[in-house]
N, C-alpha and C. Protein backbone atom coordinates (compact mmCIF):
# COMPACT_ATOMS: atom_id res chain seq x y z
N MET A 1 84.77 40.46 57.57
CA MET A 1 84.36 39.08 57.62
C MET A 1 85.50 38.23 57.09
N PRO A 2 85.86 37.25 57.84
CA PRO A 2 86.99 36.43 57.42
C PRO A 2 86.57 35.45 56.35
N LYS A 3 87.45 35.26 55.41
CA LYS A 3 87.19 34.28 54.35
C LYS A 3 87.50 32.90 54.88
N GLY A 4 86.62 32.05 54.60
CA GLY A 4 86.83 30.70 55.12
C GLY A 4 86.64 29.66 54.04
N ASN A 5 86.56 28.46 54.49
CA ASN A 5 86.43 27.33 53.61
C ASN A 5 84.95 26.96 53.52
N LEU A 6 84.16 27.83 52.96
CA LEU A 6 82.72 27.60 52.88
C LEU A 6 82.39 26.95 51.55
N ALA A 7 81.46 26.07 51.60
CA ALA A 7 81.03 25.40 50.38
C ALA A 7 79.92 26.22 49.72
N TYR A 8 79.96 26.24 48.44
CA TYR A 8 78.96 26.97 47.68
C TYR A 8 78.03 26.01 46.99
N ASP A 9 76.77 26.37 46.93
CA ASP A 9 75.80 25.56 46.22
C ASP A 9 75.71 26.10 44.80
N LEU A 10 76.36 25.44 43.86
CA LEU A 10 76.42 25.90 42.47
C LEU A 10 75.18 25.50 41.67
N SER A 11 74.35 24.71 42.25
CA SER A 11 73.15 24.28 41.52
C SER A 11 72.17 25.44 41.33
N VAL A 12 72.35 26.48 42.11
CA VAL A 12 71.48 27.63 41.98
C VAL A 12 71.69 28.31 40.62
N TYR A 13 72.90 28.23 40.12
CA TYR A 13 73.24 28.90 38.87
C TYR A 13 73.00 28.05 37.64
N GLU A 14 72.63 26.81 37.78
CA GLU A 14 72.39 25.93 36.64
C GLU A 14 70.99 26.20 36.09
N PRO A 15 70.85 26.06 34.74
CA PRO A 15 69.52 26.29 34.17
C PRO A 15 68.55 25.21 34.62
N ARG A 16 67.35 25.62 34.86
CA ARG A 16 66.32 24.68 35.32
C ARG A 16 65.68 24.01 34.12
N ALA A 17 65.28 22.86 34.29
CA ALA A 17 64.62 22.11 33.22
C ALA A 17 63.20 22.62 33.08
N LYS A 18 62.76 22.82 31.84
CA LYS A 18 61.42 23.31 31.60
C LYS A 18 60.41 22.20 31.83
N GLN A 19 59.39 22.58 32.50
CA GLN A 19 58.34 21.60 32.76
C GLN A 19 57.30 21.74 31.67
N ALA A 20 56.84 20.64 31.17
CA ALA A 20 55.83 20.62 30.12
C ALA A 20 54.50 21.09 30.70
N PRO A 21 53.80 21.97 29.97
CA PRO A 21 52.52 22.44 30.48
C PRO A 21 51.51 21.31 30.54
N LYS A 22 50.69 21.37 31.52
CA LYS A 22 49.68 20.34 31.68
C LYS A 22 48.54 20.62 30.71
N PRO A 23 48.04 19.60 30.02
CA PRO A 23 46.92 19.83 29.11
C PRO A 23 45.69 20.22 29.91
N GLN A 24 45.05 21.25 29.42
CA GLN A 24 43.88 21.74 30.12
C GLN A 24 42.63 21.16 29.49
N GLU A 25 41.72 20.88 30.32
CA GLU A 25 40.46 20.36 29.84
C GLU A 25 39.57 21.54 29.48
N PRO A 26 38.82 21.43 28.38
CA PRO A 26 37.95 22.54 28.02
C PRO A 26 36.90 22.77 29.10
N GLN A 27 36.73 24.04 29.39
CA GLN A 27 35.77 24.40 30.43
C GLN A 27 34.68 25.27 29.82
N ILE A 28 33.51 25.03 30.21
CA ILE A 28 32.37 25.82 29.74
C ILE A 28 31.92 26.68 30.90
N LYS A 29 31.87 27.95 30.65
CA LYS A 29 31.48 28.87 31.70
C LYS A 29 30.11 29.44 31.36
N MET A 30 29.30 29.54 32.29
CA MET A 30 27.96 30.07 32.12
C MET A 30 27.94 31.48 32.69
N LYS A 31 27.40 32.36 31.96
CA LYS A 31 27.26 33.73 32.45
C LYS A 31 25.92 33.86 33.15
N LYS A 32 25.95 34.54 34.23
CA LYS A 32 24.75 34.66 35.04
C LYS A 32 23.73 35.61 34.40
N ASN A 33 24.21 36.74 33.80
CA ASN A 33 23.31 37.75 33.25
C ASN A 33 23.34 37.69 31.72
N ALA A 34 22.92 36.63 31.14
CA ALA A 34 22.95 36.48 29.69
C ALA A 34 22.04 37.49 29.01
N GLY A 35 20.89 37.81 29.58
CA GLY A 35 19.96 38.79 29.01
C GLY A 35 20.53 40.19 29.05
N HIS A 36 21.23 40.51 30.11
CA HIS A 36 21.84 41.84 30.25
C HIS A 36 22.94 42.04 29.21
N VAL A 37 23.67 41.02 28.90
CA VAL A 37 24.73 41.10 27.91
C VAL A 37 24.14 41.41 26.55
N ARG A 38 23.01 40.85 26.23
CA ARG A 38 22.38 41.12 24.96
C ARG A 38 21.94 42.59 24.88
N LYS A 39 21.44 43.12 25.95
CA LYS A 39 21.03 44.51 25.95
C LYS A 39 22.25 45.42 25.78
N GLU A 40 23.32 45.07 26.41
CA GLU A 40 24.53 45.87 26.28
C GLU A 40 25.08 45.78 24.86
N SER A 41 25.12 44.61 24.29
CA SER A 41 25.63 44.48 22.94
C SER A 41 24.67 45.13 21.94
N ALA A 42 23.38 45.07 22.21
CA ALA A 42 22.42 45.74 21.33
C ALA A 42 22.61 47.25 21.42
N PHE A 43 22.89 47.75 22.61
CA PHE A 43 23.14 49.18 22.78
C PHE A 43 24.41 49.59 22.04
N LYS A 44 25.44 48.76 22.10
CA LYS A 44 26.67 49.06 21.36
C LYS A 44 26.43 49.05 19.87
N ILE A 45 25.64 48.11 19.41
CA ILE A 45 25.31 48.06 17.98
C ILE A 45 24.54 49.30 17.58
N PHE A 46 23.61 49.72 18.42
CA PHE A 46 22.84 50.94 18.13
C PHE A 46 23.76 52.16 18.07
N LEU A 47 24.72 52.25 18.99
CA LEU A 47 25.67 53.38 18.97
C LEU A 47 26.52 53.35 17.71
N LYS A 48 26.98 52.16 17.33
CA LYS A 48 27.79 52.05 16.11
C LYS A 48 26.98 52.43 14.88
N ALA A 49 25.75 51.99 14.82
CA ALA A 49 24.88 52.32 13.68
C ALA A 49 24.61 53.83 13.65
N ALA A 50 24.41 54.43 14.82
CA ALA A 50 24.17 55.87 14.87
C ALA A 50 25.41 56.63 14.41
N PHE A 51 26.58 56.17 14.82
CA PHE A 51 27.83 56.81 14.40
C PHE A 51 28.02 56.69 12.89
N ILE A 52 27.78 55.52 12.35
CA ILE A 52 27.92 55.31 10.89
C ILE A 52 26.91 56.18 10.15
N LEU A 53 25.70 56.28 10.66
CA LEU A 53 24.69 57.13 10.04
C LEU A 53 25.12 58.60 10.07
N ALA A 54 25.70 59.04 11.18
CA ALA A 54 26.16 60.42 11.29
C ALA A 54 27.30 60.69 10.30
N VAL A 55 28.23 59.76 10.17
CA VAL A 55 29.33 59.92 9.22
C VAL A 55 28.78 59.95 7.79
N LEU A 56 27.83 59.07 7.50
CA LEU A 56 27.22 59.04 6.17
C LEU A 56 26.51 60.36 5.85
N CYS A 57 25.79 60.89 6.84
CA CYS A 57 25.12 62.18 6.64
C CYS A 57 26.13 63.30 6.42
N ALA A 58 27.25 63.27 7.15
CA ALA A 58 28.28 64.29 6.98
C ALA A 58 28.89 64.21 5.58
N VAL A 59 29.13 63.00 5.10
CA VAL A 59 29.70 62.83 3.76
C VAL A 59 28.72 63.34 2.70
N LEU A 60 27.45 62.99 2.85
CA LEU A 60 26.44 63.45 1.88
C LEU A 60 26.31 64.97 1.91
N TYR A 61 26.34 65.56 3.09
CA TYR A 61 26.25 67.01 3.20
C TYR A 61 27.45 67.68 2.52
N SER A 62 28.64 67.12 2.71
CA SER A 62 29.82 67.70 2.07
C SER A 62 29.73 67.58 0.55
N LYS A 63 29.18 66.48 0.07
CA LYS A 63 29.00 66.31 -1.38
C LYS A 63 28.00 67.34 -1.93
N VAL A 64 26.92 67.56 -1.19
CA VAL A 64 25.92 68.55 -1.63
C VAL A 64 26.54 69.95 -1.66
N GLU A 65 27.31 70.29 -0.62
CA GLU A 65 27.95 71.61 -0.56
C GLU A 65 28.96 71.78 -1.70
N SER A 66 29.78 70.74 -1.94
CA SER A 66 30.76 70.85 -3.03
C SER A 66 30.06 70.97 -4.38
N ASN A 67 28.95 70.25 -4.56
CA ASN A 67 28.20 70.36 -5.81
C ASN A 67 27.63 71.77 -5.97
N THR A 68 27.14 72.34 -4.90
CA THR A 68 26.62 73.71 -4.94
C THR A 68 27.74 74.70 -5.32
N LEU A 69 28.91 74.51 -4.71
CA LEU A 69 30.03 75.40 -5.02
C LEU A 69 30.49 75.24 -6.47
N PHE A 70 30.53 74.01 -6.97
CA PHE A 70 30.92 73.80 -8.37
C PHE A 70 29.92 74.45 -9.32
N ASN A 71 28.63 74.36 -9.00
CA ASN A 71 27.62 75.03 -9.84
C ASN A 71 27.79 76.54 -9.81
N GLU A 72 28.09 77.09 -8.64
CA GLU A 72 28.30 78.53 -8.53
C GLU A 72 29.55 78.95 -9.31
N ILE A 73 30.60 78.16 -9.23
CA ILE A 73 31.82 78.45 -9.99
C ILE A 73 31.53 78.43 -11.48
N HIS A 74 30.76 77.43 -11.91
CA HIS A 74 30.43 77.33 -13.34
C HIS A 74 29.63 78.54 -13.81
N SER A 75 28.66 78.97 -12.99
CA SER A 75 27.84 80.12 -13.41
C SER A 75 28.69 81.40 -13.42
N LEU A 76 29.61 81.54 -12.47
CA LEU A 76 30.48 82.72 -12.46
C LEU A 76 31.46 82.71 -13.64
N GLU A 77 31.94 81.53 -14.01
CA GLU A 77 32.81 81.45 -15.18
C GLU A 77 32.05 81.81 -16.45
N GLN A 78 30.80 81.36 -16.53
CA GLN A 78 29.97 81.70 -17.69
C GLN A 78 29.72 83.20 -17.74
N GLU A 79 29.45 83.81 -16.58
CA GLU A 79 29.25 85.25 -16.53
C GLU A 79 30.52 86.00 -16.92
N LEU A 80 31.67 85.48 -16.50
CA LEU A 80 32.95 86.09 -16.88
C LEU A 80 33.15 86.04 -18.39
N LYS A 81 32.84 84.91 -19.01
CA LYS A 81 32.97 84.81 -20.47
C LYS A 81 32.04 85.80 -21.17
N ASN A 82 30.82 85.93 -20.66
CA ASN A 82 29.88 86.90 -21.26
C ASN A 82 30.39 88.33 -21.12
N LEU A 83 30.92 88.66 -19.94
CA LEU A 83 31.45 90.01 -19.74
C LEU A 83 32.69 90.27 -20.60
N GLN A 84 33.51 89.26 -20.79
CA GLN A 84 34.69 89.45 -21.65
C GLN A 84 34.27 89.68 -23.09
N SER A 85 33.27 88.94 -23.57
CA SER A 85 32.81 89.16 -24.94
C SER A 85 32.16 90.54 -25.08
N GLU A 86 31.42 90.98 -24.06
CA GLU A 86 30.84 92.31 -24.07
C GLU A 86 31.93 93.38 -24.06
N ASN A 87 32.99 93.13 -23.32
CA ASN A 87 34.13 94.06 -23.28
C ASN A 87 34.76 94.19 -24.66
N ILE A 88 34.91 93.08 -25.35
CA ILE A 88 35.49 93.12 -26.70
C ILE A 88 34.58 93.90 -27.64
N THR A 89 33.27 93.68 -27.52
CA THR A 89 32.31 94.41 -28.36
C THR A 89 32.37 95.91 -28.09
N LEU A 90 32.39 96.27 -26.81
CA LEU A 90 32.45 97.70 -26.46
C LEU A 90 33.77 98.34 -26.88
N ALA A 91 34.86 97.60 -26.79
CA ALA A 91 36.16 98.13 -27.23
C ALA A 91 36.15 98.37 -28.74
N ALA A 92 35.55 97.45 -29.49
CA ALA A 92 35.46 97.65 -30.94
C ALA A 92 34.58 98.85 -31.27
N GLU A 93 33.48 99.01 -30.53
CA GLU A 93 32.59 100.16 -30.75
C GLU A 93 33.31 101.47 -30.40
N TYR A 94 34.08 101.45 -29.34
CA TYR A 94 34.84 102.64 -28.94
C TYR A 94 35.87 103.01 -30.01
N GLU A 95 36.55 101.99 -30.53
CA GLU A 95 37.54 102.24 -31.58
C GLU A 95 36.87 102.81 -32.83
N SER A 96 35.69 102.30 -33.16
CA SER A 96 35.01 102.81 -34.36
C SER A 96 34.53 104.25 -34.15
N ARG A 97 34.12 104.60 -32.94
CA ARG A 97 33.66 105.96 -32.67
C ARG A 97 34.81 106.97 -32.66
N THR A 98 35.97 106.52 -32.28
CA THR A 98 37.11 107.45 -32.20
C THR A 98 38.00 107.37 -33.43
N SER A 99 37.48 106.84 -34.52
CA SER A 99 38.28 106.80 -35.74
C SER A 99 38.44 108.23 -36.29
N LEU A 100 39.41 108.42 -37.15
CA LEU A 100 39.71 109.76 -37.68
C LEU A 100 38.54 110.31 -38.49
N LYS A 101 37.86 109.44 -39.22
CA LYS A 101 36.73 109.90 -40.02
C LYS A 101 35.60 110.41 -39.14
N ASN A 102 35.31 109.70 -38.07
CA ASN A 102 34.24 110.12 -37.16
C ASN A 102 34.60 111.41 -36.43
N VAL A 103 35.86 111.57 -36.08
CA VAL A 103 36.30 112.79 -35.41
C VAL A 103 36.18 113.98 -36.36
N GLU A 104 36.58 113.80 -37.62
CA GLU A 104 36.45 114.88 -38.60
C GLU A 104 34.98 115.23 -38.83
N ASP A 105 34.13 114.22 -38.91
CA ASP A 105 32.70 114.45 -39.11
C ASP A 105 32.11 115.20 -37.93
N TYR A 106 32.47 114.83 -36.72
CA TYR A 106 32.00 115.52 -35.52
C TYR A 106 32.48 116.97 -35.49
N ALA A 107 33.73 117.19 -35.87
CA ALA A 107 34.27 118.55 -35.87
C ALA A 107 33.55 119.43 -36.89
N GLU A 108 33.23 118.88 -38.04
CA GLU A 108 32.56 119.68 -39.06
C GLU A 108 31.09 119.92 -38.74
N ASN A 109 30.37 118.86 -38.36
CA ASN A 109 28.92 118.97 -38.20
C ASN A 109 28.50 119.55 -36.85
N VAL A 110 29.14 119.12 -35.77
CA VAL A 110 28.70 119.55 -34.44
C VAL A 110 29.41 120.83 -34.02
N LEU A 111 30.72 120.88 -34.19
CA LEU A 111 31.47 122.04 -33.73
C LEU A 111 31.55 123.16 -34.77
N GLY A 112 31.22 122.87 -36.02
CA GLY A 112 31.23 123.90 -37.06
C GLY A 112 32.62 124.23 -37.57
N LEU A 113 33.56 123.36 -37.41
CA LEU A 113 34.91 123.60 -37.92
C LEU A 113 34.99 123.17 -39.37
N LYS A 114 35.91 123.82 -40.12
CA LYS A 114 36.09 123.49 -41.54
C LYS A 114 37.57 123.26 -41.80
N LYS A 115 37.84 122.56 -42.88
CA LYS A 115 39.23 122.31 -43.26
C LYS A 115 39.87 123.60 -43.74
N LEU A 116 41.19 123.65 -43.64
CA LEU A 116 41.93 124.85 -44.06
C LEU A 116 41.94 124.96 -45.59
N ASP A 117 41.81 126.18 -46.05
CA ASP A 117 42.00 126.47 -47.47
C ASP A 117 43.40 127.02 -47.65
N LYS A 118 43.84 127.05 -48.91
CA LYS A 118 45.17 127.60 -49.18
C LYS A 118 45.22 129.09 -48.88
N SER A 119 44.07 129.72 -48.96
CA SER A 119 44.06 131.16 -48.70
C SER A 119 44.23 131.47 -47.22
N GLN A 120 43.98 130.49 -46.36
CA GLN A 120 44.11 130.71 -44.93
C GLN A 120 45.53 130.50 -44.41
N ILE A 121 46.38 129.98 -45.23
CA ILE A 121 47.74 129.68 -44.78
C ILE A 121 48.57 130.94 -44.93
N GLU A 122 49.29 131.30 -43.91
CA GLU A 122 50.18 132.46 -43.93
C GLU A 122 51.59 131.98 -43.63
N TYR A 123 52.53 132.50 -44.37
CA TYR A 123 53.93 132.15 -44.16
C TYR A 123 54.62 133.30 -43.46
N VAL A 124 55.47 132.99 -42.52
CA VAL A 124 56.18 134.01 -41.76
C VAL A 124 57.66 133.82 -42.04
N GLU A 125 58.30 134.92 -42.38
CA GLU A 125 59.74 134.88 -42.63
C GLU A 125 60.44 135.64 -41.52
N LEU A 126 61.53 135.07 -41.04
CA LEU A 126 62.32 135.72 -40.00
C LEU A 126 63.54 136.37 -40.63
N GLU A 127 63.92 137.51 -40.16
CA GLU A 127 65.06 138.22 -40.72
C GLU A 127 66.38 137.68 -40.19
N SER A 128 66.38 137.11 -39.01
CA SER A 128 67.65 136.62 -38.47
C SER A 128 67.68 135.10 -38.56
N ASP A 129 68.85 134.55 -38.24
CA ASP A 129 68.99 133.08 -38.27
C ASP A 129 68.10 132.47 -37.18
N SER A 130 67.59 131.33 -37.50
CA SER A 130 66.73 130.67 -36.53
C SER A 130 67.54 129.67 -35.69
N VAL A 131 68.57 130.19 -35.08
CA VAL A 131 69.42 129.36 -34.25
C VAL A 131 69.29 129.85 -32.82
N ILE A 132 69.12 128.93 -31.95
CA ILE A 132 69.02 129.28 -30.54
C ILE A 132 70.30 128.83 -29.86
N GLU A 133 70.87 129.71 -29.13
CA GLU A 133 72.08 129.39 -28.40
C GLU A 133 71.75 129.31 -26.92
N ILE A 134 72.19 128.22 -26.30
CA ILE A 134 71.98 128.03 -24.87
C ILE A 134 73.34 128.19 -24.20
N VAL A 135 73.39 129.12 -23.30
CA VAL A 135 74.63 129.39 -22.60
C VAL A 135 74.63 128.55 -21.32
N GLU A 136 75.61 127.70 -21.21
CA GLU A 136 75.74 126.85 -20.02
C GLU A 136 76.40 127.65 -18.91
N THR A 137 75.81 127.64 -17.77
CA THR A 137 76.44 128.29 -16.61
C THR A 137 77.13 127.23 -15.79
N GLU A 138 78.16 127.61 -15.16
CA GLU A 138 78.92 126.66 -14.37
C GLU A 138 78.14 126.34 -13.09
N GLN A 139 77.94 125.05 -12.84
CA GLN A 139 77.18 124.62 -11.68
C GLN A 139 78.15 124.12 -10.61
N LYS A 140 78.09 124.75 -9.48
CA LYS A 140 79.02 124.38 -8.42
C LYS A 140 78.36 123.53 -7.35
N ASN A 141 77.06 123.61 -7.21
CA ASN A 141 76.35 122.92 -6.14
C ASN A 141 75.95 121.52 -6.63
N ILE A 142 76.20 120.48 -5.82
CA ILE A 142 75.88 119.10 -6.20
C ILE A 142 74.37 118.88 -6.26
N PHE A 143 73.60 119.59 -5.40
CA PHE A 143 72.16 119.42 -5.40
C PHE A 143 71.53 119.98 -6.67
N VAL A 144 72.09 121.04 -7.20
CA VAL A 144 71.60 121.60 -8.45
C VAL A 144 71.86 120.62 -9.59
N ILE A 145 73.00 119.99 -9.57
CA ILE A 145 73.34 119.01 -10.62
C ILE A 145 72.36 117.83 -10.55
N ILE A 146 72.09 117.32 -9.35
CA ILE A 146 71.16 116.19 -9.20
C ILE A 146 69.76 116.58 -9.66
N ARG A 147 69.31 117.78 -9.29
CA ARG A 147 67.99 118.24 -9.71
C ARG A 147 67.90 118.33 -11.23
N ASN A 148 68.94 118.84 -11.87
CA ASN A 148 68.93 118.95 -13.33
C ASN A 148 68.92 117.57 -13.99
N LYS A 149 69.64 116.63 -13.42
CA LYS A 149 69.66 115.27 -14.00
C LYS A 149 68.27 114.62 -13.86
N ILE A 150 67.61 114.85 -12.73
CA ILE A 150 66.26 114.31 -12.54
C ILE A 150 65.30 114.95 -13.54
N ASN A 151 65.42 116.24 -13.75
CA ASN A 151 64.55 116.92 -14.73
C ASN A 151 64.81 116.41 -16.14
N GLU A 152 66.07 116.16 -16.46
CA GLU A 152 66.39 115.60 -17.79
C GLU A 152 65.79 114.22 -17.95
N LEU A 153 65.83 113.41 -16.89
CA LEU A 153 65.26 112.08 -16.92
C LEU A 153 63.73 112.14 -17.10
N ARG A 154 63.08 113.08 -16.42
CA ARG A 154 61.63 113.26 -16.57
C ARG A 154 61.27 113.66 -18.01
N GLU A 155 62.06 114.57 -18.57
CA GLU A 155 61.81 114.99 -19.95
C GLU A 155 62.00 113.82 -20.91
N TYR A 156 63.00 113.00 -20.63
CA TYR A 156 63.26 111.86 -21.49
C TYR A 156 62.13 110.85 -21.44
N LEU A 157 61.59 110.62 -20.25
CA LEU A 157 60.50 109.67 -20.08
C LEU A 157 59.15 110.24 -20.49
N GLY A 158 59.07 111.55 -20.68
CA GLY A 158 57.85 112.18 -21.17
C GLY A 158 56.88 112.48 -20.04
N ALA A 159 57.38 112.60 -18.84
CA ALA A 159 56.47 112.85 -17.70
C ALA A 159 56.23 114.31 -17.49
């Protein structure tokens, strides 16, 4: 297309002047089904009231359940305290029954055992020295060494 001497309309690019809005006259509109609107709004109110009532009932039910659980927790804590005190009483009774005096009394009266007299003691004399010699053998196997170390550890721990 050849460029020519065409005139451009620059007014297209100029900002347009804002027109002031026309003042509107207040209009009153009449609804044809005024009675039907009341039924619909009454139905909505009924639904809202039913929803609020359901939420209120749910909140009250949760409060009743939490109160029931708190009462159960309290009764279980009280039972725990009673059992702990009974445990302390039974432990003290057990300690008193297993005292040295009671064990000696049981051994004498029930089992018929008596204390040692000096006449019952016998002394034994050995003619040789009471020295025990342990001969160490040379251990060449690593598994034997590990087994011996484990046995020494068991003896040390008293197992």
